[in-house]
Protein backbone atom coordinates (compact mmCIF):
# COMPACT_ATOMS: atom_id res chain seq x y z
CA MET A 1 -53.62 24.37 273.00
CA THR A 2 -50.56 22.45 271.41
CA ALA A 3 -47.32 21.46 273.09
CA GLY A 4 -45.44 24.03 270.89
CA VAL A 5 -47.86 26.77 271.94
CA ALA A 6 -47.35 25.90 275.70
CA ALA A 7 -43.70 25.68 275.53
CA ALA A 8 -43.73 29.18 273.71
CA LEU A 9 -45.82 30.82 276.30
CA ALA A 10 -44.68 29.43 279.59
CA PRO A 11 -41.11 30.34 279.76
CA ALA A 12 -42.15 33.86 279.50
CA MET A 13 -44.74 33.56 282.34
CA LEU A 14 -42.42 31.84 284.95
CA PRO A 15 -38.79 33.29 284.67
CA SER A 16 -36.53 31.36 287.89
CA PRO A 17 -36.41 33.97 290.68
CA ALA A 18 -33.48 34.38 292.49
CA ARG A 19 -32.82 32.38 295.40
CA ALA A 20 -30.33 30.59 297.57
CA ALA A 21 -28.70 27.56 296.76
CA ALA A 22 -32.02 24.69 296.82
CA PRO A 23 -31.65 22.56 299.97
CA ALA A 24 -32.35 18.90 299.50
CA PRO A 25 -36.02 18.06 298.21
CA LYS A 26 -37.40 16.79 301.52
CA ALA A 27 -35.88 19.74 303.24
CA ARG A 28 -37.45 22.13 300.67
CA ASP A 29 -40.80 20.32 300.88
CA SER A 30 -40.85 20.96 304.48
CA ALA A 31 -39.81 24.44 304.15
CA LEU A 32 -42.50 24.92 301.68
CA LEU A 33 -44.99 23.35 303.86
CA ALA A 34 -43.78 25.65 306.58
CA LEU A 35 -44.91 28.80 304.63
CA PHE A 36 -48.62 27.87 305.81
CA GLY A 37 -47.87 29.25 309.02
CA PRO A 38 -47.89 27.78 312.59
CA MET A 39 -50.77 25.38 312.90
CA PRO A 40 -52.65 26.04 316.28
CA PRO A 41 -53.68 22.38 318.23
CA ARG A 42 -56.70 20.77 316.39
CA PRO A 43 -59.46 19.85 318.69
CA LYS A 44 -60.91 16.76 319.68
CA PRO A 45 -63.40 15.62 316.47
CA GLN A 46 -66.68 16.24 317.78
CA PHE A 47 -69.89 17.84 316.38
CA THR A 48 -73.44 18.99 317.10
CA VAL A 49 -76.39 17.95 314.90
CA LEU A 50 -78.36 21.32 314.28
CA GLU A 51 -80.66 19.59 311.44
CA THR A 52 -81.36 16.36 310.19
CA THR A 53 -83.32 15.98 306.49
CA GLY A 54 -84.12 12.59 304.91
CA ILE A 55 -83.02 13.10 301.37
CA GLU A 56 -83.48 10.49 298.33
CA GLY A 57 -80.45 7.91 299.07
CA GLY A 58 -79.87 8.81 302.69
CA GLN A 59 -79.81 12.02 305.16
CA ARG A 60 -78.11 15.55 305.27
CA LEU A 61 -77.38 16.72 308.32
CA LYS A 62 -76.48 20.11 309.34
CA ILE A 63 -73.75 20.27 312.07
CA GLU A 64 -71.41 22.78 313.98
CA TYR A 65 -67.83 21.92 314.91
CA LEU A 66 -64.84 23.82 316.77
CA ALA A 67 -62.27 24.43 314.27
CA GLU A 68 -59.73 26.21 316.71
CA ALA A 69 -59.86 28.10 320.23
CA ALA A 70 -60.36 31.82 320.83
CA TYR A 71 -57.63 34.08 320.60
CA PRO A 72 -57.94 36.81 323.13
CA PRO A 73 -54.96 39.35 322.23
CA LEU A 74 -57.02 40.22 318.90
CA GLY A 75 -60.30 39.68 320.60
CA GLU A 76 -61.18 36.75 318.16
CA PRO A 77 -64.00 34.24 319.57
CA GLU A 78 -63.91 30.54 319.23
CA ASP A 79 -63.96 29.65 315.50
CA ARG A 80 -66.66 27.56 314.80
CA VAL A 81 -67.91 26.07 311.28
CA ARG A 82 -71.32 24.92 310.06
CA ALA A 83 -71.31 22.16 307.41
CA TYR A 84 -73.63 19.76 305.50
CA LEU A 85 -72.72 16.10 306.08
CA LEU A 86 -74.22 14.08 303.55
CA VAL A 87 -74.59 10.34 304.62
CA PRO A 88 -75.63 7.50 302.15
CA ALA A 89 -77.95 5.00 303.51
CA HIS A 90 -75.61 2.14 304.54
CA THR A 91 -75.87 -1.17 306.44
CA ALA A 92 -74.65 -1.64 310.22
CA GLY A 93 -70.83 -1.94 310.01
CA GLN A 94 -70.42 -0.89 306.63
CA LYS A 95 -67.28 1.57 305.63
CA LEU A 96 -67.81 4.29 303.01
CA PRO A 97 -65.49 6.35 301.00
CA ALA A 98 -65.74 9.83 302.09
CA ILE A 99 -65.15 13.50 300.39
CA LEU A 100 -64.06 16.88 301.69
CA ALA A 101 -66.27 19.06 299.48
CA PHE A 102 -64.54 22.53 299.18
CA HIS A 103 -67.10 25.50 297.70
CA GLN A 104 -65.80 28.27 295.42
CA ASP A 105 -65.54 31.98 296.78
CA GLY A 106 -65.79 35.47 295.19
CA PRO A 107 -69.17 36.90 294.94
CA GLN A 108 -70.62 33.89 296.42
CA TYR A 109 -69.44 34.57 300.08
CA HIS A 110 -73.17 34.34 301.46
CA ILE A 111 -73.50 30.88 299.70
CA GLY A 112 -70.57 28.79 300.73
CA LYS A 113 -71.26 25.25 302.00
CA ALA A 114 -74.87 25.29 300.24
CA GLU A 115 -73.35 25.27 296.77
CA PRO A 116 -71.67 21.77 296.98
CA ALA A 117 -74.52 20.44 299.07
CA GLY A 118 -76.88 21.03 296.30
CA LEU A 119 -78.97 23.95 297.95
CA ALA A 120 -78.10 27.16 296.27
CA GLY A 121 -76.25 28.29 293.62
CA ASP A 122 -74.69 26.74 290.24
CA ALA A 123 -76.18 23.33 289.62
CA ASN A 124 -72.92 22.58 287.73
CA LEU A 125 -71.05 22.89 291.07
CA PHE A 126 -73.44 20.70 293.21
CA TYR A 127 -70.59 18.11 293.29
CA GLY A 128 -71.08 17.36 296.91
CA LEU A 129 -74.59 16.09 296.20
CA ASP A 130 -73.39 14.11 292.99
CA LEU A 131 -70.79 12.29 294.75
CA PHE A 132 -73.26 11.25 297.97
CA ARG A 133 -75.54 9.96 295.43
CA ARG A 134 -72.63 7.61 294.02
CA GLY A 135 -72.07 6.30 297.63
CA HIS A 136 -69.87 8.97 299.28
CA VAL A 137 -70.04 10.22 302.65
CA VAL A 138 -69.47 14.08 301.99
CA LEU A 139 -68.86 16.86 304.14
CA CYS A 140 -69.54 20.43 302.69
CA PRO A 141 -68.18 22.96 305.11
CA ASP A 142 -68.18 26.82 305.12
CA ARG A 143 -64.65 27.78 304.34
CA PHE A 144 -62.75 30.52 306.14
CA TYR A 145 -64.95 33.59 305.93
CA HIS A 146 -67.94 32.39 303.95
CA ALA A 147 -71.56 32.06 304.80
CA GLU A 148 -72.08 31.29 308.45
CA ARG A 149 -68.63 31.96 309.28
CA ARG A 150 -68.70 35.86 308.32
CA ARG A 151 -68.31 37.35 311.82
CA SER A 152 -70.02 40.38 312.61
CA LEU A 153 -72.89 39.87 309.96
CA ASP A 154 -76.31 38.30 310.08
CA PRO A 155 -75.77 34.73 308.80
CA ALA A 156 -78.48 35.35 306.50
CA ALA A 157 -77.25 38.77 305.11
CA PRO A 158 -77.61 38.90 301.45
CA ALA A 159 -74.73 39.16 298.95
CA ASP A 160 -72.43 42.40 299.05
CA ASN A 161 -69.01 41.74 297.57
CA ALA A 162 -67.43 44.92 298.24
CA ARG A 163 -68.35 44.66 301.96
CA ASP A 164 -67.64 40.67 301.99
CA SER A 165 -64.16 41.45 300.59
CA LYS A 166 -63.10 44.12 303.06
CA LEU A 167 -64.26 42.00 305.85
CA TYR A 168 -62.16 38.84 304.69
CA ASP A 169 -59.37 41.29 304.28
CA HIS A 170 -59.55 42.34 307.98
CA ARG A 171 -59.52 38.70 309.01
CA VAL A 172 -56.52 37.81 306.93
CA GLY A 173 -54.89 40.78 308.64
CA GLN A 174 -55.34 39.14 311.91
CA LEU A 175 -53.91 35.89 310.75
CA LEU A 176 -50.99 37.70 309.19
CA LEU A 177 -50.42 39.50 312.83
CA ARG A 178 -50.31 35.52 314.11
CA GLY A 179 -47.51 34.70 311.30
CA ARG A 180 -50.28 32.84 309.92
CA ASN A 181 -51.94 33.20 305.94
CA SER A 182 -55.38 32.49 304.24
CA ILE A 183 -54.16 29.33 302.62
CA GLY A 184 -52.69 27.90 305.69
CA LYS A 185 -55.77 28.88 307.28
CA ASP A 186 -57.88 26.72 304.75
CA VAL A 187 -55.47 23.82 304.75
CA PHE A 188 -55.55 23.87 308.67
CA ASP A 189 -59.63 23.90 308.32
CA ALA A 190 -59.26 20.88 306.10
CA MET A 191 -57.35 18.80 308.30
CA VAL A 192 -59.78 19.35 311.49
CA ALA A 193 -62.59 18.59 308.75
CA THR A 194 -60.58 15.10 307.73
CA ASP A 195 -60.17 14.50 311.48
CA LEU A 196 -63.96 14.80 311.64
CA LEU A 197 -64.57 12.48 308.81
CA ALA A 198 -61.92 9.94 310.17
CA SER A 199 -63.85 9.72 313.23
CA LEU A 200 -67.31 8.68 311.69
CA PRO A 201 -67.94 5.07 312.48
CA TYR A 202 -69.22 4.44 308.80
CA VAL A 203 -66.16 6.25 307.01
CA ASP A 204 -63.33 4.00 305.79
CA SER A 205 -60.47 6.40 306.77
CA GLY A 206 -58.09 5.14 304.26
CA ARG A 207 -60.64 6.09 301.54
CA ILE A 208 -60.85 9.90 301.88
CA GLY A 209 -60.65 12.35 299.00
CA GLY A 210 -61.66 16.10 297.94
CA ILE A 211 -63.11 18.04 295.31
CA GLY A 212 -63.48 21.85 294.80
CA HIS A 213 -63.89 24.81 292.19
CA SER A 214 -61.98 27.33 291.49
CA ALA A 215 -60.49 28.86 294.88
CA GLY A 216 -62.01 25.69 296.47
CA GLY A 217 -60.06 23.71 293.97
CA MET A 218 -56.75 25.52 294.99
CA ALA A 219 -57.70 25.30 298.88
CA MET A 220 -58.16 21.29 298.02
CA THR A 221 -55.08 20.84 296.61
CA TYR A 222 -52.72 22.64 299.12
CA TRP A 223 -54.45 20.56 301.55
CA MET A 224 -53.43 17.36 299.78
CA ALA A 225 -49.93 18.43 299.82
CA ALA A 226 -50.07 18.84 303.54
CA ASP A 227 -52.12 16.05 304.56
CA ARG A 228 -51.14 12.49 303.65
CA ARG A 229 -54.76 11.04 304.80
CA ALA A 230 -56.16 12.56 301.33
CA LYS A 231 -55.95 9.93 299.04
CA ALA A 232 -57.56 11.46 295.59
CA GLY A 233 -58.72 15.02 294.70
CA ILE A 234 -60.36 16.54 291.83
CA SER A 235 -59.55 20.45 291.56
CA SER A 236 -62.10 21.95 288.87
CA CYS A 237 -60.74 25.34 287.33
CA GLY A 238 -58.86 25.96 290.70
CA PHE A 239 -54.85 25.12 290.89
CA PHE A 240 -52.59 28.24 289.23
CA GLU A 241 -49.03 29.40 289.90
CA LEU A 242 -49.20 32.29 292.55
CA ILE A 243 -46.25 33.84 291.32
CA ASN A 244 -47.70 34.22 288.02
CA PHE A 245 -50.85 35.86 289.84
CA TYR A 246 -48.84 38.65 291.49
CA ARG A 247 -46.48 39.34 288.37
CA GLU A 248 -45.77 42.59 287.63
CA ASP A 249 -47.67 42.08 283.97
CA ALA A 250 -50.34 40.35 285.25
CA ILE A 251 -53.43 40.93 283.49
CA LYS A 252 -55.45 41.89 286.60
CA ARG A 253 -54.48 43.22 289.95
CA ARG A 254 -55.24 41.16 292.92
CA SER A 255 -56.00 41.36 296.59
CA ALA A 256 -53.00 40.36 298.69
CA ALA A 257 -55.08 38.10 300.92
CA ILE A 258 -54.47 34.91 299.12
CA ALA A 259 -50.45 35.50 298.82
CA LEU A 260 -48.25 32.85 300.11
CA PRO A 261 -45.63 34.78 301.98
CA GLY A 262 -42.19 33.61 300.74
CA LEU A 263 -43.00 31.60 298.33
CA ALA A 264 -41.03 33.13 295.46
CA THR A 265 -38.02 32.57 297.27
CA LEU A 266 -38.08 28.68 297.88
CA GLY A 267 -40.17 27.48 294.99
CA ARG A 268 -43.06 27.72 293.10
CA SER A 269 -47.07 26.22 293.40
CA ALA A 270 -46.43 23.41 291.14
CA ASP A 271 -43.87 22.07 293.85
CA TYR A 272 -46.91 21.47 295.93
CA LEU A 273 -48.62 19.80 293.13
CA ALA A 274 -45.57 17.32 292.94
CA MET A 275 -45.90 16.51 296.86
CA ILE A 276 -48.92 14.70 296.46
CA ALA A 277 -47.51 11.63 294.48
CA PRO A 278 -47.92 8.97 294.84
CA ARG A 279 -51.74 10.08 295.73
CA ASN A 280 -53.93 10.76 292.87
CA ILE A 281 -55.03 14.48 291.71
CA LEU A 282 -56.96 15.56 288.69
CA LEU A 283 -57.06 18.76 287.35
CA THR A 284 -59.63 20.50 285.05
CA ARG A 285 -59.03 23.50 282.91
CA GLY A 286 -61.33 25.46 280.42
CA ARG A 287 -59.51 26.40 277.56
CA TRP A 288 -61.35 29.69 277.45
CA GLU A 289 -61.56 30.76 280.93
CA TRP A 290 -60.51 34.21 280.29
CA GLY A 291 -62.18 34.72 277.06
CA THR A 292 -61.63 34.56 273.51
CA ARG A 293 -61.15 38.24 272.29
CA GLY A 294 -58.54 40.50 272.13
CA GLU A 295 -55.99 40.40 275.11
CA TRP A 296 -58.52 38.01 276.93
CA ARG A 297 -57.82 35.21 274.31
CA GLU A 298 -54.08 35.36 274.97
CA ALA A 299 -54.86 35.43 278.74
CA SER A 300 -56.90 32.31 278.12
CA LEU A 301 -53.90 30.58 276.11
CA ARG A 302 -51.53 31.41 278.78
CA HIS A 303 -53.94 30.07 281.40
CA VAL A 304 -53.73 26.72 279.74
CA ALA A 305 -50.15 26.75 279.11
CA GLU A 306 -49.60 27.51 282.77
CA THR A 307 -51.55 24.48 283.81
CA GLU A 308 -49.52 22.45 281.02
CA ASP A 309 -46.27 23.61 282.61
CA MET A 310 -47.44 23.03 286.16
CA VAL A 311 -48.39 19.43 285.15
CA ALA A 312 -45.23 18.81 283.45
CA HIS A 313 -42.91 20.16 286.34
CA ALA A 314 -44.90 17.98 288.74
CA ARG A 315 -44.51 15.07 286.56
CA ALA A 316 -40.68 15.54 286.10
CA LYS A 317 -40.51 15.21 289.90
CA GLY A 318 -42.36 12.18 290.26
CA SER A 319 -45.98 12.28 289.90
CA GLY A 320 -46.15 10.55 286.74
CA LYS A 321 -49.20 8.74 286.31
CA THR A 322 -51.16 9.81 289.81
CA LEU A 323 -51.36 13.23 288.09
CA ASP A 324 -53.88 13.56 285.34
CA ALA A 325 -55.40 16.86 283.47
CA ILE A 326 -58.39 17.53 281.45
CA TYR A 327 -58.61 20.59 279.19
CA PHE A 328 -62.00 21.13 277.93
CA ASP A 329 -64.02 23.48 275.37
CA GLU A 330 -67.48 22.14 276.73
CA ALA A 331 -69.82 24.99 277.57
CA GLY A 332 -67.47 27.37 276.01
CA GLY A 333 -64.54 26.09 277.94
CA ASN A 334 -65.50 28.74 280.54
CA HIS A 335 -64.35 28.81 284.28
CA ASP A 336 -67.08 25.95 284.87
CA PHE A 337 -67.38 22.15 285.94
CA PRO A 338 -69.70 21.27 283.09
CA PRO A 339 -71.90 17.90 282.98
CA GLY A 340 -69.35 16.13 280.41
CA VAL A 341 -66.30 17.29 282.59
CA ARG A 342 -68.08 15.99 285.68
CA GLU A 343 -68.69 12.69 284.57
CA GLN A 344 -65.49 12.10 283.39
CA ALA A 345 -63.87 13.41 286.76
CA TYR A 346 -66.20 11.31 288.71
CA ALA A 347 -65.34 8.32 286.42
CA TRP A 348 -61.38 9.11 287.48
CA LEU A 349 -62.43 9.23 291.26
CA LYS A 350 -64.29 5.82 291.28
CA THR A 351 -61.13 4.21 290.10
CA ARG A 352 -58.64 5.86 292.69
CA LEU A 353 -60.67 6.13 295.79
């Protein structure tokens, strides 16, 4: 993708929406963060160990902790999270950097935390295990409505994307009735997970970062915008302009479940990217994530141009050298986190956490 192609495509993707006179930057940032909806009180960070497994270089704990209290008006029980906590061998008093690993979603509702922990799914997405092997404490929780957080289902229930999508939409409806939304819920859950990481005696609370692929990379980026404790993050093929996602001429029609109510009246997704500075974030983007033939080729070009446009917007607002992007052709430039890109990303993280 050349700069000329990006310049030609980006304006057609994202015209300036009609909105009221822009507030001062800090006020607008606060208003954008408020779009995540009301946040309930976060519980005290504590967890129960369900399983302990020795693995090369340390331990893998399966843990459970409370995300938020029950909500009786809708009959919702306590929202409890199960996660894998990967802990490298360390000496007494040693403080290690930590990573919050966000898994992807889509047809993988049933896999959840097991993928970044290296127990199931795509080996290219075992990034939690990779970073554990590089000396990080890594927390891999089930995200909202995935794996063992799929209420009303046997936790071991096999994949059924149509069923899981409908049940996920139902739970998003519960959030909406409370003035909340799915992105805000991901952010809240990540803050609870950060509380837990920061409470561990072997974690350096000043060196907490994140990583996520696809929807996990999107959740990670919004978490970084909201939580200043997140010092560095890698979003693999994960961050995009929500306004483009729902444009009338979008190449696909989408569920409303991840819409951020009010965004089009205040700004755009790239504004959240800009909020992360002066902390560091890396975006990756496959050049051909939508394919290489017919209308899918143009969609891929627009997808790259969109990322270039978001990066330029955030840098113009002060992100500068704290924001980096990798555009890749490896493995066909697909929606993936292939080995060469992972190595580049991990080398980037090493110098920033």
